Amino acid sequence: MSISLHTDDLDLIPSTDSAVFEPLARPEPVAKSPRGRGLALRILALVGTIAVYAVYRNLRVGAGRDVFSRGLPVEPFRHALTVLKVEHALWIDFEQGLQNMFLSHGLIIRFANGYYSWAHQWVSLGLVAAVLLKAPWGKARRWVSALLLQLPIALVLFRLYPLMPPRLLDAGAPWGGRILAQHRQIRPTGIVDTLAKFTGPWTPGPVAVNSFTNQFAAMPSLHCGFAMWVGVVWWQFAKGKKWRIIGPLHTAVIFFCVVVTGNHWVLDAIVGWAIALVLLGATGRFSGLRKLLGWYRAGEDQPVTTSTSSTSSAPPTPPTATSSSSVDAAVGSTGVGAVRA
């Protein structure tokens, strides 16, 4: 069966005198990976981030040099007792119970020791590198700023509130509070230092009072603050990926490790989480405010056009050119549309 198309009387190609052709819009440029100057800027930002963290590690020591009174860490010990009271009132004083639950499982404790000692820095810095090199520059700048702003806040709190961690509460001099606990007739907590009890590459050597360290930089827990940052940023950075759950999982594992090893109180972790979340929200809010101000200023720069009454009241002039819609309608009326259907 043959179908004849009667299109001889239809002028499918209008003449240039009766039709106006508009140029096609060019496609939007596709975002490319940073190269050249942009890549150099991102690498410079990564190097600067590592340098800032190195400076922080040195400054953290100075925040804990004046805590000894007559050779004993009296102030950090008092702060630890205060934290214990607050946790007991909030029903979150489960450090000893959690440690006792896993203390007989050497494999789990050794995993916690290693993860606490190395994952805190390497996972955080690894995600910083991935964000600075792969993420859009606006997001990367906000995320890394939220991480780095945790450092000065922590330094101020280390100076104002030196805190004895759980592992030192029953330890001896010079860093521990055993003598102070006996003087006050306070029973031992029973929390041990797993990094020293289960020896391994994570086990620290003997630390003297005048050495380059700070044993009382516990409030807030930057282990947990950085881990919360990793959880939130990784969840957004790996959006649409099946393995985006790795970030929140790292947050939970770090919390387990800092508590079961006796290096932090639960309240330390909560304060660290709060600081990380507030800074992530604040950097995002400031970015949104800058965008809003940019849109407002762009609207002010646009000229305001006014139309006269004579122009608005005049009837529209009928088009004289043959439009593409009329051609499509004519083609459909001749049977072409029926053939396609």
Protein backbone atom coordinates (compact mmCIF):
# COMPACT_ATOMS: atom_id res chain seq x y z
CA MET A 1 0.00 0.00 0.00
CA SER A 2 1.48 3.32 -1.05
CA ILE A 3 0.78 6.65 0.57
CA SER A 4 1.20 9.77 -1.52
CA LEU A 5 2.04 13.06 0.13
CA HIS A 6 0.49 16.13 -1.50
CA THR A 7 3.02 18.78 -0.62
CA ASP A 8 3.53 20.33 -4.05
CA ASP A 9 1.41 23.36 -3.25
CA LEU A 10 3.17 24.01 0.07
CA ASP A 11 6.23 26.17 0.24
CA LEU A 12 8.22 24.43 3.00
CA ILE A 13 11.21 26.77 2.66
CA PRO A 14 10.12 30.39 2.98
CA SER A 15 12.04 33.07 1.23
CA THR A 16 14.43 35.30 3.11
CA ASP A 17 12.24 38.32 2.26
CA SER A 18 9.24 37.03 4.20
CA ALA A 19 10.87 35.26 7.13
CA VAL A 20 13.26 36.27 9.85
CA PHE A 21 15.73 33.71 11.15
CA GLU A 22 17.13 34.04 14.69
CA PRO A 23 20.59 32.59 15.51
CA LEU A 24 20.61 29.52 17.73
CA ALA A 25 21.74 29.98 21.33
CA ARG A 26 25.19 28.64 22.08
CA PRO A 27 25.40 25.78 24.61
CA GLU A 28 26.67 26.51 28.11
CA PRO A 29 30.33 25.66 28.66
CA VAL A 30 30.92 22.40 30.50
CA ALA A 31 32.77 22.64 33.82
CA LYS A 32 36.24 21.15 33.54
CA SER A 33 38.72 19.93 36.08
CA PRO A 34 40.96 22.65 37.51
CA ARG A 35 44.09 23.13 35.45
CA GLY A 36 46.92 25.56 35.23
CA ARG A 37 46.48 28.53 37.51
CA GLY A 38 43.38 27.10 39.19
CA LEU A 39 45.14 23.85 40.05
CA ALA A 40 48.16 25.74 41.39
CA LEU A 41 45.87 27.77 43.63
CA ARG A 42 44.27 24.62 45.02
CA ILE A 43 47.65 23.00 45.69
CA LEU A 44 48.80 26.17 47.44
CA ALA A 45 45.66 26.07 49.60
CA LEU A 46 46.40 22.44 50.52
CA VAL A 47 49.97 23.28 51.52
CA GLY A 48 48.71 26.23 53.54
CA THR A 49 46.20 24.01 55.36
CA ILE A 50 48.93 21.56 56.36
CA ALA A 51 51.13 24.45 57.53
CA VAL A 52 48.33 25.88 59.67
CA TYR A 53 47.77 22.51 61.31
CA ALA A 54 51.50 22.20 62.04
CA VAL A 55 51.48 25.62 63.71
CA TYR A 56 48.46 24.59 65.77
CA ARG A 57 50.27 21.51 67.08
CA ASN A 58 53.08 23.71 68.35
CA LEU A 59 50.76 26.28 69.90
CA ARG A 60 48.76 23.59 71.68
CA VAL A 61 51.75 22.85 73.90
CA GLY A 62 51.87 26.37 75.25
CA ALA A 63 48.24 26.12 76.30
CA GLY A 64 49.09 23.54 78.96
CA ARG A 65 52.37 24.64 80.51
CA ASP A 66 50.93 26.57 83.45
CA VAL A 67 48.61 23.90 84.85
CA PHE A 68 50.90 22.57 87.56
CA SER A 69 50.55 23.88 91.11
CA ARG A 70 53.28 22.67 93.50
CA GLY A 71 54.16 19.96 91.02
CA LEU A 72 50.63 18.58 90.75
CA PRO A 73 47.96 19.14 88.04
CA VAL A 74 45.36 20.49 90.46
CA GLU A 75 43.24 22.50 88.01
CA PRO A 76 42.88 19.75 85.36
CA PHE A 77 41.94 17.31 88.13
CA ARG A 78 39.21 19.64 89.45
CA HIS A 79 37.84 20.14 85.95
CA ALA A 80 37.70 16.37 85.46
CA LEU A 81 35.60 16.00 88.61
CA THR A 82 33.27 18.73 87.34
CA VAL A 83 32.87 16.96 84.00
CA LEU A 84 32.07 13.74 85.83
CA LYS A 85 29.33 15.49 87.82
CA VAL A 86 27.82 17.00 84.68
CA GLU A 87 27.87 13.66 82.86
CA HIS A 88 26.32 11.91 85.84
CA ALA A 89 23.50 14.48 85.87
CA LEU A 90 22.95 13.94 82.13
CA TRP A 91 23.18 10.13 82.35
CA ILE A 92 26.08 9.99 79.89
CA ASP A 93 28.87 8.85 82.24
CA PHE A 94 29.41 5.46 80.55
CA GLU A 95 33.18 5.69 79.89
CA GLN A 96 34.10 3.00 82.42
CA GLY A 97 31.26 0.68 81.42
CA LEU A 98 32.15 0.89 77.72
CA GLN A 99 35.81 0.21 78.38
CA ASN A 100 35.09 -2.73 80.70
CA MET A 101 32.86 -4.23 78.02
CA PHE A 102 35.71 -4.46 75.49
CA LEU A 103 38.80 -4.56 77.70
CA SER A 104 38.99 -8.36 77.50
CA HIS A 105 38.90 -8.26 73.68
CA GLY A 106 42.50 -7.44 72.81
CA LEU A 107 41.90 -7.32 69.05
CA ILE A 108 39.20 -4.66 69.36
CA ILE A 109 41.26 -2.58 71.78
CA ARG A 110 44.31 -2.73 69.54
CA PHE A 111 42.20 -1.66 66.58
CA ALA A 112 40.86 1.25 68.64
CA ASN A 113 44.40 2.22 69.67
CA GLY A 114 45.63 2.27 66.09
CA TYR A 115 42.57 4.03 64.69
CA TYR A 116 42.72 6.66 67.43
CA SER A 117 46.43 7.28 66.83
CA TRP A 118 46.48 7.53 63.03
CA ALA A 119 43.04 7.85 61.44
CA HIS A 120 42.31 11.20 63.11
CA GLN A 121 44.97 13.02 61.09
CA TRP A 122 45.28 10.98 57.91
CA VAL A 123 41.57 10.65 57.15
CA SER A 124 40.95 14.35 57.82
CA LEU A 125 43.91 15.55 55.74
CA GLY A 126 43.06 13.07 53.00
CA LEU A 127 39.55 14.46 52.69
CA VAL A 128 40.93 18.01 52.76
CA ALA A 129 43.15 17.12 49.79
CA ALA A 130 40.26 15.51 47.89
CA VAL A 131 37.98 18.48 48.53
CA LEU A 132 40.54 21.10 47.54
CA LEU A 133 41.53 19.27 44.36
CA LYS A 134 38.15 17.95 43.18
CA ALA A 135 35.24 19.89 44.68
CA PRO A 136 33.95 23.21 43.31
CA TRP A 137 36.09 26.01 44.68
CA GLY A 138 33.26 27.71 46.54
CA LYS A 139 32.32 24.57 48.45
CA ALA A 140 35.94 23.59 49.05
CA ARG A 141 36.71 27.00 50.53
CA ARG A 142 33.73 26.86 52.89
CA TRP A 143 34.39 23.29 54.01
CA VAL A 144 38.10 23.77 54.69
CA SER A 145 37.43 27.06 56.48
CA ALA A 146 35.01 25.26 58.79
CA LEU A 147 37.75 22.75 59.62
CA LEU A 148 40.52 25.26 60.23
CA LEU A 149 38.34 27.50 62.40
CA GLN A 150 38.11 24.66 64.91
CA LEU A 151 41.81 25.09 65.73
CA PRO A 152 41.81 28.59 67.31
CA ILE A 153 38.62 27.80 69.23
CA ALA A 154 40.23 24.66 70.60
CA LEU A 155 43.40 26.54 71.59
CA VAL A 156 41.38 29.06 73.59
CA LEU A 157 39.46 26.32 75.40
CA PHE A 158 42.65 24.34 76.08
CA ARG A 159 44.05 27.45 77.75
CA LEU A 160 40.94 28.35 79.71
CA TYR A 161 39.81 24.85 80.66
CA PRO A 162 42.67 22.32 80.96
CA LEU A 163 41.07 18.95 81.54
CA MET A 164 42.51 15.67 82.78
CA PRO A 165 41.39 12.83 80.47
CA PRO A 166 39.91 9.64 81.96
CA ARG A 167 43.09 7.60 81.41
CA LEU A 168 45.06 9.93 83.76
CA LEU A 169 42.57 10.19 86.58
CA ASP A 170 43.95 7.09 88.32
CA ALA A 171 47.52 7.46 87.02
CA GLY A 172 50.49 8.48 89.10
CA ALA A 173 52.62 11.62 89.10
CA PRO A 174 53.49 13.83 87.38
CA TRP A 175 50.52 13.81 84.97
CA GLY A 176 48.01 11.64 86.81
CA GLY A 177 45.58 12.48 89.59
CA ARG A 178 46.04 9.47 91.87
CA ILE A 179 47.60 11.51 94.69
CA LEU A 180 44.88 14.15 94.48
CA ALA A 181 42.18 11.47 94.48
CA GLN A 182 43.66 9.83 97.56
CA HIS A 183 43.92 13.19 99.29
CA ARG A 184 40.22 13.80 98.68
CA GLN A 185 39.35 10.20 99.50
CA ILE A 186 37.86 9.64 96.06
CA ARG A 187 37.61 6.06 94.89
CA PRO A 188 39.41 5.18 91.63
CA THR A 189 37.39 5.23 88.43
CA GLY A 190 38.98 2.05 87.09
CA ILE A 191 39.61 3.53 83.63
CA VAL A 192 42.99 2.47 82.22
CA ASP A 193 45.22 3.85 79.48
CA THR A 194 44.83 1.23 76.75
CA LEU A 195 47.60 2.75 74.64
CA ALA A 196 50.04 1.88 77.44
CA LYS A 197 48.38 -1.36 78.60
CA PHE A 198 48.19 -2.93 75.12
CA THR A 199 51.66 -2.12 73.80
CA GLY A 200 52.22 -1.48 70.13
CA PRO A 201 53.48 1.17 67.70
CA TRP A 202 50.91 3.53 69.22
CA THR A 203 52.34 3.25 72.75
CA PRO A 204 53.89 6.57 73.83
CA GLY A 205 57.17 6.71 75.68
CA PRO A 206 57.62 8.22 79.13
CA VAL A 207 56.64 11.89 79.16
CA ALA A 208 58.37 14.34 81.46
CA VAL A 209 56.74 17.48 82.83
CA ASN A 210 59.03 19.80 80.91
CA SER A 211 58.68 17.90 77.63
CA PHE A 212 57.11 19.23 74.46
CA THR A 213 53.54 18.00 74.98
CA ASN A 214 50.18 18.83 76.51
CA GLN A 215 48.40 15.98 78.25
CA PHE A 216 45.40 18.10 79.25
CA ALA A 217 44.16 19.26 75.82
CA ALA A 218 40.97 17.24 76.12
CA MET A 219 38.11 19.78 76.01
CA PRO A 220 36.96 19.89 73.25
CA SER A 221 37.87 16.64 71.52
CA LEU A 222 39.31 17.61 68.15
CA HIS A 223 39.32 13.91 67.28
CA CYS A 224 35.53 14.01 67.41
CA GLY A 225 35.29 17.52 65.97
CA PHE A 226 37.35 16.58 62.93
CA ALA A 227 35.46 13.28 62.63
CA MET A 228 32.12 15.12 62.58
CA TRP A 229 33.51 17.40 59.88
CA VAL A 230 34.58 14.34 57.88
CA GLY A 231 31.13 12.78 58.27
CA VAL A 232 29.22 15.84 57.07
CA VAL A 233 31.58 16.89 54.28
CA TRP A 234 32.07 13.36 52.96
CA TRP A 235 28.29 12.86 52.90
CA GLN A 236 27.94 15.96 50.70
CA PHE A 237 31.11 15.44 48.65
CA ALA A 238 30.19 11.83 47.76
CA LYS A 239 26.56 12.66 46.98
CA GLY A 240 24.95 9.95 44.87
CA LYS A 241 27.65 7.38 45.66
CA LYS A 242 26.94 4.14 47.49
CA TRP A 243 30.00 4.55 49.72
CA ARG A 244 29.04 7.97 51.09
CA ILE A 245 28.13 6.20 54.35
CA ILE A 246 31.88 5.89 55.05
CA GLY A 247 31.98 9.46 56.37
CA PRO A 248 29.32 9.08 59.11
CA LEU A 249 30.76 5.65 59.91
CA HIS A 250 34.15 7.25 60.55
CA THR A 251 32.47 9.71 62.93
CA ALA A 252 30.96 6.86 64.96
CA VAL A 253 34.18 4.80 65.00
CA ILE A 254 36.27 7.74 66.23
CA PHE A 255 33.80 8.37 69.06
CA PHE A 256 34.03 4.73 70.10
CA CYS A 257 37.83 4.83 69.98
CA VAL A 258 38.33 8.00 72.04
CA VAL A 259 36.02 6.70 74.78
CA VAL A 260 37.08 3.06 74.93
CA THR A 261 40.79 4.03 75.03
CA GLY A 262 40.19 6.43 77.92
CA ASN A 263 41.46 9.50 76.04
CA HIS A 264 38.30 11.60 76.22
CA TRP A 265 35.16 12.05 78.24
CA VAL A 266 31.81 11.79 76.48
CA LEU A 267 31.26 15.50 77.13
CA ASP A 268 34.48 16.28 75.25
CA ALA A 269 33.06 14.56 72.17
CA ILE A 270 29.74 16.40 72.41
CA VAL A 271 31.45 19.78 72.61
CA GLY A 272 33.69 18.88 69.66
CA TRP A 273 30.67 17.84 67.58
CA ALA A 274 28.82 21.05 68.45
CA ILE A 275 31.75 23.26 67.41
CA ALA A 276 32.14 21.43 64.09
CA LEU A 277 28.44 21.63 63.24
CA VAL A 278 28.16 25.30 64.19
CA LEU A 279 31.15 26.21 62.03
CA LEU A 280 29.84 24.19 59.06
CA GLY A 281 26.50 25.95 59.36
CA ALA A 282 28.08 29.37 59.84
CA THR A 283 30.36 29.15 56.79
CA GLY A 284 27.45 28.01 54.63
CA ARG A 285 25.20 30.79 55.96
CA PHE A 286 27.84 33.46 55.28
CA SER A 287 28.20 32.16 51.73
CA GLY A 288 24.44 32.35 51.20
CA LEU A 289 24.41 35.89 52.58
CA ARG A 290 27.13 36.95 50.15
CA LYS A 291 25.15 35.48 47.24
CA LEU A 292 22.01 37.30 48.39
CA LEU A 293 23.88 40.61 48.57
CA GLY A 294 25.35 39.97 45.12
CA TRP A 295 21.89 39.39 43.62
CA TYR A 296 20.57 42.53 45.33
CA ARG A 297 23.38 44.69 43.99
CA ALA A 298 22.99 43.21 40.51
CA GLY A 299 19.30 44.15 40.59
CA GLU A 300 20.15 47.73 41.56
CA ASP A 301 22.56 48.09 38.63
CA GLN A 302 19.90 47.16 36.05
CA PRO A 303 18.23 50.20 34.36
CA VAL A 304 14.52 50.71 34.96
CA THR A 305 12.45 50.97 31.73
CA THR A 306 9.08 52.72 31.61
CA SER A 307 6.49 52.37 28.86
CA THR A 308 4.32 55.30 27.63
CA SER A 309 0.57 55.11 27.49
CA SER A 310 0.52 55.58 23.73
CA THR A 311 2.77 52.63 23.19
CA SER A 312 0.82 50.37 25.52
CA SER A 313 -2.56 51.32 24.06
CA ALA A 314 -1.56 50.79 20.45
CA PRO A 315 -2.84 47.50 18.99
CA PRO A 316 -0.17 44.96 18.09
CA THR A 317 0.90 44.82 14.48
CA PRO A 318 0.09 41.47 12.88
CA PRO A 319 3.19 39.51 11.84
CA THR A 320 3.96 39.39 8.16
CA ALA A 321 6.65 36.73 8.26
CA THR A 322 5.86 33.08 7.97
CA SER A 323 6.71 31.48 11.32
CA SER A 324 8.00 27.97 11.88
CA SER A 325 4.81 27.03 13.77
CA SER A 326 2.65 27.75 10.73
CA VAL A 327 4.92 25.58 8.62
CA ASP A 328 4.59 22.73 11.13
CA ALA A 329 0.80 23.12 11.14
CA ALA A 330 0.68 23.08 7.36
CA VAL A 331 2.85 20.00 7.21
CA GLY A 332 0.62 18.25 9.70
CA SER A 333 -2.50 19.11 7.66
CA THR A 334 -1.11 17.48 4.52
CA GLY A 335 -0.67 14.11 6.13
CA VAL A 336 2.95 14.13 7.18
CA GLY A 337 1.96 14.02 10.81
CA ALA A 338 -0.32 11.09 10.12
CA VAL A 339 2.53 9.16 8.50
CA ARG A 340 4.78 9.79 11.55
CA ALA A 341 2.05 8.65 13.88
